[in-house]
Amino acid sequence: MAEKTGQPIAKKRSWLLIVIFILVVGGTWFWWAKKPAAPSAGRPPMGMRAPQTPVRVAEAIQGIVEERLHAVGTVQAFNTVTVRSRVEGELQTLFFKDGQFVQAGTVLAQIDPRPYQAKLDQAQGQLRQVQSQLQLAQSDLQRFLQLEKQQSIAKQQVDNQRALVEQLKGSVTTAQAAVEDAKLQLEYTKITSPIDGRLGLRNLDEGNLISAANTDGLVVITQTQPIAVSFSLPEKDLSRLFEHLQLEQSLPVQVSDRQNKLISTGSILAVDNQINLNTGTVRVKASMPNLDNRLFPNQFVSVNVLLTKHQGIVIPAAAVQTGSIGDFVYVVGADQKVSIRPVKVQLTADEQSLIADGLALGEQVVVEGTDRLREGSQVNPINGKGQAQGDAARAAAPTLVQP
C-alpha cells in the first residue's frame, strides 16, 4: 500500500515543476517586451554598420598607349663569309688574331709567293719574246709593201708576211693575258678580308698547306655592324604591319634579352614574300646598328615592333573586368561606394588599357579587391589619397573587442 501511495505524490511534484518553469519563462518574456528602448545615437553602433572593403584604386588619366607587335627573334650576321685561299701553297704568315675586328681589304695571311713570282717572270719573258717577233715582222711587212709598189716582189709573199704580223699580234695578246694572270695569282698569295666584320677562330696555323679545295677555309668572318634580327609574325598581324609600313615607310623595332632588358633599337628592313604554310607565319627582318656589339649572331631575343601610338583615357589593365555585360570597371563615387560601369576598351598594352567610351578623366576605378565587390559596395581605398582617409577613419573608429 505504501508504494501505491508514493506514485501519485511523485506525479504531483512533476506537474508542479513544469508549471513553475512555464511561469518563469513567461515572466521573463513579458519583462523584455515591456522594457523601454534605448535612446537612438547619432549613427548606428559599429557592429551594425555596413563593412568597408579595402581596395586599391587608380585615377583615369590622359595618356598614351603604344600599339606593338611582339615576337621571339634570332640575331643573324648581316653577311657571313668563309675566307678561303684562291691559290695553293704554304701558309707562311698570319696577320690576325682570333676574334679581331677587321676592315675590308685588310691582309689576313701570306702564302709563299715564290712559285707564283717565278710564273710571272716566265710569262713576262714570253711576252717580250713575242713582242720582238712582232716588231721584226712589222718591219719586214713595210719593206715588202715598198717592193710591191715597185713590182719587185710577188703579191703572195706580201700576203704571207701580213698574215704573220696578225698571227704575232694574237700571240702578244695571249702573252699579255698570261702575264696578267700570273700577276693575279701572285696577288692571291695575300689573303685579304672581303668585308668589314669580326673574325672567328682560325682553322689553320702557319706552316700548313692551304688550297681552294679546303672547305673549312682559313677563318669565318661575320658582319655585325649593322646586324640583322629575324623573327616571325602571325598571319593575322600581317595586314596591320603592311598598313603602318605604307604610312611610316619604316617602323621602329626594339630587341630585349631574356630578362626583358632593352638591348638595341632599329627598324624593319624587309618582309618575306610568302607565308609559311606549316606555321601560318611570315618572316620579317630588321636591321640594328649594334654599335656596342651587344648583339651576337644566333642569339635569341624578344622583339617588339612599334606600329603607332594612341592617346586618350588610360587606366591600369587590372581595373577592367569581363562579365555578361562585357567589359566593365568598378567606379568609386564621392560617398566611397562603387558602381558598375560598362566601358569600351580600344587597346591594351604594357598593363595599360585605353578606354574609348564609358569613363571620364579623373574618375577613380578599383584596381585590386574587385572579387569582393558588388553594386553599391562600401569601399576603403588604401593607396594614395584614399589611404590617408582610411587611416584617419580607422583612428577615429572604436576598437571592437572580439568575444
Protein backbone atom coordinates (compact mmCIF):
# COMPACT_ATOMS: atom_id res chain seq x y z
CA MET A 1 0.00 0.00 0.00
CA ALA A 2 2.90 2.37 0.66
CA GLU A 3 4.19 2.01 -2.91
CA LYS A 4 0.80 2.85 -4.41
CA THR A 5 0.52 5.97 -2.26
CA GLY A 6 4.04 7.27 -3.35
CA GLN A 7 3.32 7.22 -7.09
CA PRO A 8 0.55 9.91 -7.05
CA ILE A 9 2.78 12.14 -4.88
CA ALA A 10 5.68 11.96 -7.44
CA LYS A 11 3.34 12.79 -10.32
CA LYS A 12 2.06 15.86 -8.48
CA ARG A 13 5.61 17.10 -7.93
CA SER A 14 6.48 16.75 -11.67
CA TRP A 15 3.47 18.73 -12.72
CA LEU A 16 4.31 21.41 -10.14
CA LEU A 17 7.84 21.82 -11.53
CA ILE A 18 6.53 22.15 -15.10
CA VAL A 19 4.07 24.87 -14.08
CA ILE A 20 6.80 26.81 -12.23
CA PHE A 21 9.13 26.65 -15.34
CA ILE A 22 6.37 27.94 -17.61
CA LEU A 23 5.64 30.86 -15.23
CA VAL A 24 9.35 31.85 -15.10
CA VAL A 25 9.79 31.80 -18.91
CA GLY A 26 6.61 33.73 -19.47
CA GLY A 27 7.51 36.34 -16.89
CA THR A 28 10.94 36.86 -18.42
CA TRP A 29 9.49 37.29 -21.91
CA PHE A 30 6.90 39.78 -20.59
CA TRP A 31 9.66 41.81 -18.88
CA TRP A 32 11.81 42.10 -22.04
CA ALA A 33 8.81 43.03 -24.17
CA LYS A 34 7.80 45.86 -21.82
CA LYS A 35 11.40 47.18 -21.40
CA PRO A 36 11.77 50.75 -22.85
CA ALA A 37 14.04 51.06 -25.94
CA ALA A 38 17.44 52.70 -25.55
CA PRO A 39 17.75 56.22 -26.92
CA SER A 40 18.99 56.26 -30.56
CA ALA A 41 22.52 57.58 -31.16
CA GLY A 42 23.68 59.87 -33.98
CA ARG A 43 24.85 56.80 -36.02
CA PRO A 44 24.26 53.04 -35.66
CA PRO A 45 26.59 51.01 -33.47
CA MET A 46 29.90 49.98 -35.03
CA GLY A 47 28.81 46.37 -35.33
CA MET A 48 25.66 47.35 -37.25
CA ARG A 49 27.35 49.49 -39.96
CA ALA A 50 27.90 48.12 -43.45
CA PRO A 51 31.51 46.73 -43.69
CA GLN A 52 34.02 48.66 -45.82
CA THR A 53 36.03 46.59 -48.31
CA PRO A 54 39.72 47.62 -48.59
CA VAL A 55 40.65 48.18 -52.23
CA ARG A 56 43.32 49.84 -54.32
CA VAL A 57 42.18 52.47 -56.77
CA ALA A 58 43.64 54.37 -59.70
CA GLU A 59 42.63 57.55 -61.48
CA ALA A 60 41.65 57.69 -65.12
CA ILE A 61 44.25 59.95 -66.73
CA GLN A 62 45.13 61.31 -70.15
CA GLY A 63 47.91 59.14 -71.51
CA ILE A 64 49.45 57.30 -74.45
CA VAL A 65 49.26 53.57 -75.16
CA GLU A 66 51.66 52.16 -77.73
CA GLU A 67 50.39 49.54 -80.16
CA ARG A 68 53.11 46.94 -80.61
CA LEU A 69 53.62 43.52 -82.16
CA HIS A 70 55.61 41.05 -80.06
CA ALA A 71 57.67 38.08 -81.24
CA VAL A 72 60.75 35.98 -80.49
CA GLY A 73 63.66 36.52 -82.89
CA THR A 74 67.13 35.31 -83.73
CA VAL A 75 70.12 37.56 -84.31
CA GLN A 76 71.84 36.95 -87.64
CA ALA A 77 75.04 38.35 -89.10
CA PHE A 78 74.33 40.75 -91.94
CA ASN A 79 76.93 38.92 -94.03
CA THR A 80 78.91 35.76 -93.29
CA VAL A 81 81.98 34.88 -95.35
CA THR A 82 84.29 31.88 -95.12
CA VAL A 83 87.72 33.19 -96.06
CA ARG A 84 89.41 30.71 -98.42
CA SER A 85 92.59 30.78 -100.45
CA ARG A 86 92.36 31.06 -104.23
CA VAL A 87 95.79 29.55 -104.75
CA GLU A 88 97.66 26.61 -103.28
CA GLY A 89 100.77 26.98 -101.21
CA GLU A 90 102.38 27.01 -97.81
CA LEU A 91 100.81 29.34 -95.25
CA GLN A 92 103.76 31.50 -94.28
CA THR A 93 102.39 34.22 -92.00
CA LEU A 94 99.12 35.09 -90.22
CA PHE A 95 98.44 38.75 -89.59
CA PHE A 96 95.32 38.48 -87.43
CA LYS A 97 94.20 37.32 -84.01
CA ASP A 98 91.12 35.26 -83.23
CA GLY A 99 88.04 37.43 -82.65
CA GLN A 100 89.65 40.53 -84.15
CA PHE A 101 87.60 43.22 -85.90
CA VAL A 102 88.92 43.93 -89.40
CA GLN A 103 88.03 46.14 -92.34
CA ALA A 104 87.59 45.13 -95.95
CA GLY A 105 90.96 44.79 -97.68
CA THR A 106 92.95 44.04 -94.53
CA VAL A 107 95.67 41.43 -95.21
CA LEU A 108 94.95 38.36 -93.11
CA ALA A 109 97.65 35.90 -94.24
CA GLN A 110 100.58 35.43 -96.63
CA ILE A 111 101.10 32.33 -98.76
CA ASP A 112 104.60 31.51 -100.08
CA PRO A 113 104.78 33.76 -103.20
CA ARG A 114 107.96 32.37 -104.80
CA PRO A 115 106.35 29.82 -107.17
CA TYR A 116 103.92 32.43 -108.43
CA GLN A 117 106.65 35.06 -108.79
CA ALA A 118 108.57 32.59 -110.99
CA LYS A 119 105.50 32.02 -113.17
CA LEU A 120 105.09 35.77 -113.55
CA ASP A 121 108.72 36.18 -114.63
CA GLN A 122 108.28 33.38 -117.17
CA ALA A 123 105.14 34.95 -118.62
CA GLN A 124 106.79 38.36 -118.87
CA GLY A 125 109.77 36.79 -120.72
CA GLN A 126 107.47 35.11 -123.22
CA LEU A 127 105.65 38.38 -123.75
CA ARG A 128 108.87 40.23 -124.55
CA GLN A 129 109.91 37.45 -126.96
CA VAL A 130 106.64 37.61 -128.89
CA GLN A 131 106.72 41.40 -128.93
CA SER A 132 110.18 41.31 -130.52
CA GLN A 133 109.00 38.85 -133.18
CA LEU A 134 106.03 41.07 -133.92
CA GLN A 135 108.21 44.14 -134.25
CA LEU A 136 110.53 42.32 -136.75
CA ALA A 137 107.57 41.02 -138.77
CA GLN A 138 106.06 44.51 -138.99
CA SER A 139 109.36 45.90 -140.29
CA ASP A 140 109.56 43.19 -142.97
CA LEU A 141 105.99 43.92 -143.98
CA GLN A 142 106.78 47.59 -144.53
CA ARG A 143 109.68 46.65 -146.84
CA PHE A 144 107.55 44.16 -148.74
CA LEU A 145 104.93 46.82 -149.30
CA GLN A 146 107.53 49.16 -150.83
CA LEU A 147 108.77 46.41 -153.12
CA GLU A 148 105.22 45.59 -154.11
CA LYS A 149 104.75 49.13 -155.33
CA GLN A 150 107.85 48.68 -157.48
CA GLN A 151 106.51 45.31 -158.64
CA SER A 152 109.72 43.71 -157.39
CA ILE A 153 108.08 41.07 -155.16
CA ALA A 154 105.34 38.56 -155.54
CA LYS A 155 101.98 39.50 -154.11
CA GLN A 156 101.69 36.14 -152.30
CA GLN A 157 104.83 36.84 -150.32
CA VAL A 158 103.36 40.18 -149.16
CA ASP A 159 100.14 38.46 -148.09
CA ASN A 160 102.07 35.81 -146.18
CA GLN A 161 104.01 38.49 -144.32
CA ARG A 162 100.80 40.35 -143.49
CA ALA A 163 99.29 37.16 -142.08
CA LEU A 164 102.40 36.56 -139.99
CA VAL A 165 102.07 40.01 -138.44
CA GLU A 166 98.45 39.36 -137.48
CA GLN A 167 99.41 36.00 -136.05
CA LEU A 168 102.11 37.54 -133.90
CA LYS A 169 99.71 40.23 -132.70
CA GLY A 170 97.47 37.44 -131.41
CA SER A 171 100.44 35.82 -129.72
CA VAL A 172 101.27 39.11 -127.99
CA THR A 173 97.70 39.38 -126.69
CA THR A 174 97.90 35.84 -125.35
CA ALA A 175 101.25 36.52 -123.71
CA GLN A 176 99.87 39.71 -122.11
CA ALA A 177 96.92 37.77 -120.70
CA ALA A 178 99.32 35.21 -119.29
CA VAL A 179 101.26 37.98 -117.56
CA GLU A 180 98.07 39.44 -116.05
CA ASP A 181 97.01 36.00 -114.85
CA ALA A 182 100.40 35.43 -113.25
CA LYS A 183 100.17 38.82 -111.51
CA LEU A 184 96.69 37.95 -110.24
CA GLN A 185 97.87 34.59 -108.91
CA LEU A 186 100.73 36.35 -107.17
CA GLU A 187 98.31 38.82 -105.58
CA TYR A 188 96.18 35.92 -104.35
CA THR A 189 99.06 34.79 -102.19
CA LYS A 190 97.97 37.62 -99.90
CA ILE A 191 94.65 36.64 -98.34
CA THR A 192 92.58 39.74 -97.56
CA SER A 193 89.28 40.36 -95.76
CA PRO A 194 86.38 40.75 -98.22
CA ILE A 195 84.11 42.63 -95.78
CA ASP A 196 84.16 44.61 -92.55
CA GLY A 197 83.45 42.34 -89.64
CA ARG A 198 84.60 40.19 -86.79
CA LEU A 199 86.87 37.18 -87.25
CA GLY A 200 86.15 33.82 -85.70
CA LEU A 201 88.67 31.19 -84.66
CA ARG A 202 91.27 30.28 -87.28
CA ASN A 203 91.18 26.80 -88.80
CA LEU A 204 94.81 26.63 -89.96
CA ASP A 205 98.12 27.57 -88.43
CA GLU A 206 101.31 28.80 -90.06
CA GLY A 207 103.22 26.16 -92.00
CA ASN A 208 100.16 24.26 -93.21
CA LEU A 209 99.41 23.75 -96.87
CA ILE A 210 96.34 25.71 -97.94
CA SER A 211 94.32 25.50 -101.13
CA ALA A 212 90.97 26.43 -102.63
CA ALA A 213 89.77 22.86 -102.03
CA ASN A 214 89.85 23.41 -98.27
CA THR A 215 86.11 23.72 -97.48
CA ASP A 216 86.65 24.92 -93.90
CA GLY A 217 88.70 27.82 -95.12
CA LEU A 218 91.14 29.86 -93.11
CA VAL A 219 88.65 31.70 -90.90
CA VAL A 220 84.99 32.81 -90.88
CA ILE A 221 84.19 36.50 -90.77
CA THR A 222 80.79 37.92 -89.81
CA GLN A 223 79.48 41.41 -90.35
CA THR A 224 77.96 42.57 -87.05
CA GLN A 225 77.71 46.34 -87.63
CA PRO A 226 74.93 46.57 -88.63
CA ILE A 227 73.43 43.25 -87.64
CA ALA A 228 70.12 41.64 -88.57
CA VAL A 229 67.32 40.22 -86.41
CA SER A 230 64.96 37.69 -87.98
CA PHE A 231 61.55 36.93 -86.45
CA SER A 232 58.13 35.63 -87.46
CA LEU A 233 54.72 37.27 -87.09
CA PRO A 234 51.31 35.57 -87.27
CA GLU A 235 49.35 35.89 -90.47
CA LYS A 236 46.64 37.91 -88.69
CA ASP A 237 49.17 40.69 -87.90
CA LEU A 238 50.39 40.99 -91.48
CA SER A 239 47.70 43.43 -92.63
CA ARG A 240 48.34 45.80 -89.73
CA LEU A 241 52.09 45.61 -90.34
CA PHE A 242 51.80 46.49 -94.04
CA GLU A 243 49.25 49.20 -93.30
CA HIS A 244 51.62 51.03 -90.98
CA LEU A 245 54.64 50.32 -93.20
CA GLN A 246 52.92 52.14 -96.06
CA LEU A 247 52.17 55.07 -93.78
CA GLU A 248 55.52 55.31 -92.00
CA GLN A 249 57.87 53.73 -94.59
CA SER A 250 59.87 52.36 -91.64
CA LEU A 251 58.76 51.02 -88.26
CA PRO A 252 60.88 51.13 -85.07
CA VAL A 253 61.93 47.79 -83.63
CA GLN A 254 63.21 47.07 -80.12
CA VAL A 255 65.04 43.93 -79.03
CA SER A 256 65.39 42.79 -75.41
CA ASP A 257 67.18 39.96 -73.63
CA ARG A 258 65.56 37.15 -71.65
CA GLN A 259 65.26 39.45 -68.61
CA ASN A 260 63.27 41.87 -70.80
CA LYS A 261 66.11 44.41 -70.66
CA LEU A 262 66.39 46.60 -73.75
CA ILE A 263 69.49 45.80 -75.83
CA SER A 264 69.14 47.77 -79.05
CA THR A 265 66.73 49.58 -81.34
CA GLY A 266 66.49 49.53 -85.12
CA SER A 267 63.94 49.40 -87.91
CA ILE A 268 62.15 46.98 -90.23
CA LEU A 269 64.35 46.07 -93.19
CA ALA A 270 62.23 43.62 -95.20
CA VAL A 271 59.21 41.31 -95.08
CA ASP A 272 59.24 37.90 -96.74
CA ASN A 273 57.15 37.47 -99.89
CA GLN A 274 55.24 34.39 -98.75
CA ILE A 275 53.58 32.88 -95.68
CA ASN A 276 54.84 29.63 -94.21
CA LEU A 277 52.04 27.11 -94.70
CA ASN A 278 53.21 24.93 -91.80
CA THR A 279 53.26 27.67 -89.17
CA GLY A 280 50.95 30.34 -90.64
CA THR A 281 53.59 33.00 -90.06
CA VAL A 282 55.63 35.37 -92.18
CA ARG A 283 59.32 36.12 -91.69
CA VAL A 284 60.41 39.68 -91.02
CA LYS A 285 63.94 41.05 -91.00
CA ALA A 286 65.07 44.08 -89.02
CA SER A 287 68.36 45.98 -89.02
CA MET A 288 70.19 47.00 -85.84
CA PRO A 289 73.24 49.32 -85.74
CA ASN A 290 74.82 47.23 -82.91
CA LEU A 291 77.47 49.86 -82.25
CA ASP A 292 78.18 48.44 -78.79
CA ASN A 293 78.34 44.84 -80.13
CA ARG A 294 75.79 43.60 -77.57
CA LEU A 295 74.01 41.56 -80.22
CA PHE A 296 75.69 38.32 -81.22
CA PRO A 297 74.87 36.00 -84.15
CA ASN A 298 72.41 33.18 -83.26
CA GLN A 299 71.37 34.96 -80.06
CA PHE A 300 67.70 34.62 -79.06
CA VAL A 301 65.96 37.93 -78.29
CA SER A 302 62.49 39.33 -77.62
CA VAL A 303 61.29 41.60 -80.41
CA ASN A 304 58.55 44.23 -80.44
CA VAL A 305 57.54 46.39 -83.38
CA LEU A 306 56.00 49.80 -82.67
CA LEU A 307 53.06 50.27 -85.01
CA THR A 308 51.57 53.51 -83.66
CA LYS A 309 50.73 55.48 -80.51
CA HIS A 310 47.16 56.09 -79.31
CA GLN A 311 46.26 58.96 -76.98
CA GLY A 312 43.21 59.06 -74.70
CA ILE A 313 41.87 58.00 -71.30
CA VAL A 314 44.17 55.40 -69.75
CA ILE A 315 43.66 53.16 -66.72
CA PRO A 316 45.54 50.09 -65.43
CA ALA A 317 44.53 46.96 -67.31
CA ALA A 318 43.86 45.21 -63.99
CA ALA A 319 40.86 47.50 -63.43
CA VAL A 320 38.97 46.14 -66.44
CA GLN A 321 36.69 43.20 -65.63
CA THR A 322 34.73 41.00 -68.03
CA GLY A 323 31.26 39.65 -67.43
CA SER A 324 27.91 39.03 -69.05
CA ILE A 325 27.64 42.76 -69.86
CA GLY A 326 31.07 42.78 -71.49
CA ASP A 327 33.97 44.85 -70.21
CA PHE A 328 33.27 46.93 -67.12
CA VAL A 329 35.00 48.70 -64.23
CA TYR A 330 34.11 49.50 -60.62
CA VAL A 331 33.94 53.30 -60.28
CA VAL A 332 34.36 54.77 -56.79
CA GLY A 333 31.91 57.57 -56.05
CA ALA A 334 32.24 60.52 -53.66
CA ASP A 335 30.38 58.50 -51.00
CA GLN A 336 33.02 55.74 -51.21
CA LYS A 337 30.52 53.40 -52.85
CA VAL A 338 31.26 51.59 -56.09
CA SER A 339 29.11 51.35 -59.16
CA ILE A 340 29.49 49.03 -62.12
CA ARG A 341 30.30 51.00 -65.30
CA PRO A 342 30.41 49.30 -68.75
CA VAL A 343 33.39 50.53 -70.78
CA LYS A 344 34.74 50.10 -74.30
CA VAL A 345 38.42 49.12 -74.36
CA GLN A 346 40.19 50.26 -77.52
CA LEU A 347 43.65 48.83 -76.81
CA THR A 348 45.54 47.06 -74.01
CA ALA A 349 49.34 47.10 -73.91
CA ASP A 350 52.05 47.17 -71.25
CA GLU A 351 49.46 46.64 -68.46
CA GLN A 352 47.59 49.77 -69.56
CA SER A 353 44.14 49.96 -71.17
CA LEU A 354 42.96 52.73 -73.47
CA ILE A 355 39.28 53.45 -72.80
CA ALA A 356 37.31 54.63 -75.82
CA ASP A 357 33.96 55.13 -74.06
CA GLY A 358 32.34 54.84 -70.63
CA LEU A 359 34.82 56.68 -68.41
CA ALA A 360 35.73 60.32 -67.75
CA LEU A 361 39.04 61.87 -66.75
CA GLY A 362 39.68 61.97 -63.02
CA GLU A 363 37.27 59.16 -62.08
CA GLN A 364 38.57 56.57 -59.63
CA VAL A 365 38.44 52.89 -60.60
CA VAL A 366 39.17 49.85 -58.44
CA VAL A 367 42.37 48.03 -59.39
CA GLU A 368 42.67 45.44 -56.60
CA GLY A 369 39.97 43.83 -54.49
CA THR A 370 37.32 43.60 -57.22
CA ASP A 371 36.44 39.98 -56.37
CA ARG A 372 34.74 41.12 -53.13
CA LEU A 373 32.69 43.94 -54.66
CA ARG A 374 29.07 44.27 -55.72
CA GLU A 375 26.99 47.18 -56.98
CA GLY A 376 26.86 49.76 -54.15
CA SER A 377 29.58 48.14 -52.02
CA GLN A 378 31.22 50.43 -49.48
CA VAL A 379 34.99 50.58 -50.06
CA ASN A 380 38.01 51.91 -48.26
CA PRO A 381 40.83 52.92 -50.66
CA ILE A 382 44.19 52.03 -49.14
CA ASN A 383 46.52 53.73 -51.59
CA GLY A 384 47.27 57.35 -52.34
CA LYS A 385 44.71 59.85 -51.09
CA GLY A 386 42.30 57.10 -50.13
CA GLN A 387 44.90 55.53 -47.84
CA ALA A 388 45.20 58.70 -45.73
CA GLN A 389 41.44 58.91 -45.44
CA GLY A 390 41.26 55.25 -44.45
CA ASP A 391 43.93 55.68 -41.76
CA ALA A 392 42.06 58.67 -40.28
CA ALA A 393 38.79 56.75 -40.26
CA ARG A 394 40.36 53.77 -38.54
CA ALA A 395 41.94 56.03 -35.91
CA ALA A 396 38.59 57.66 -35.09
CA ALA A 397 36.58 54.42 -35.02
CA PRO A 398 36.23 52.49 -31.66
CA THR A 399 38.02 49.22 -31.32
CA LEU A 400 35.81 46.16 -31.40
CA VAL A 401 36.60 43.53 -28.82
CA GLN A 402 36.05 40.08 -30.18
CA PRO A 403 34.30 37.68 -27.75
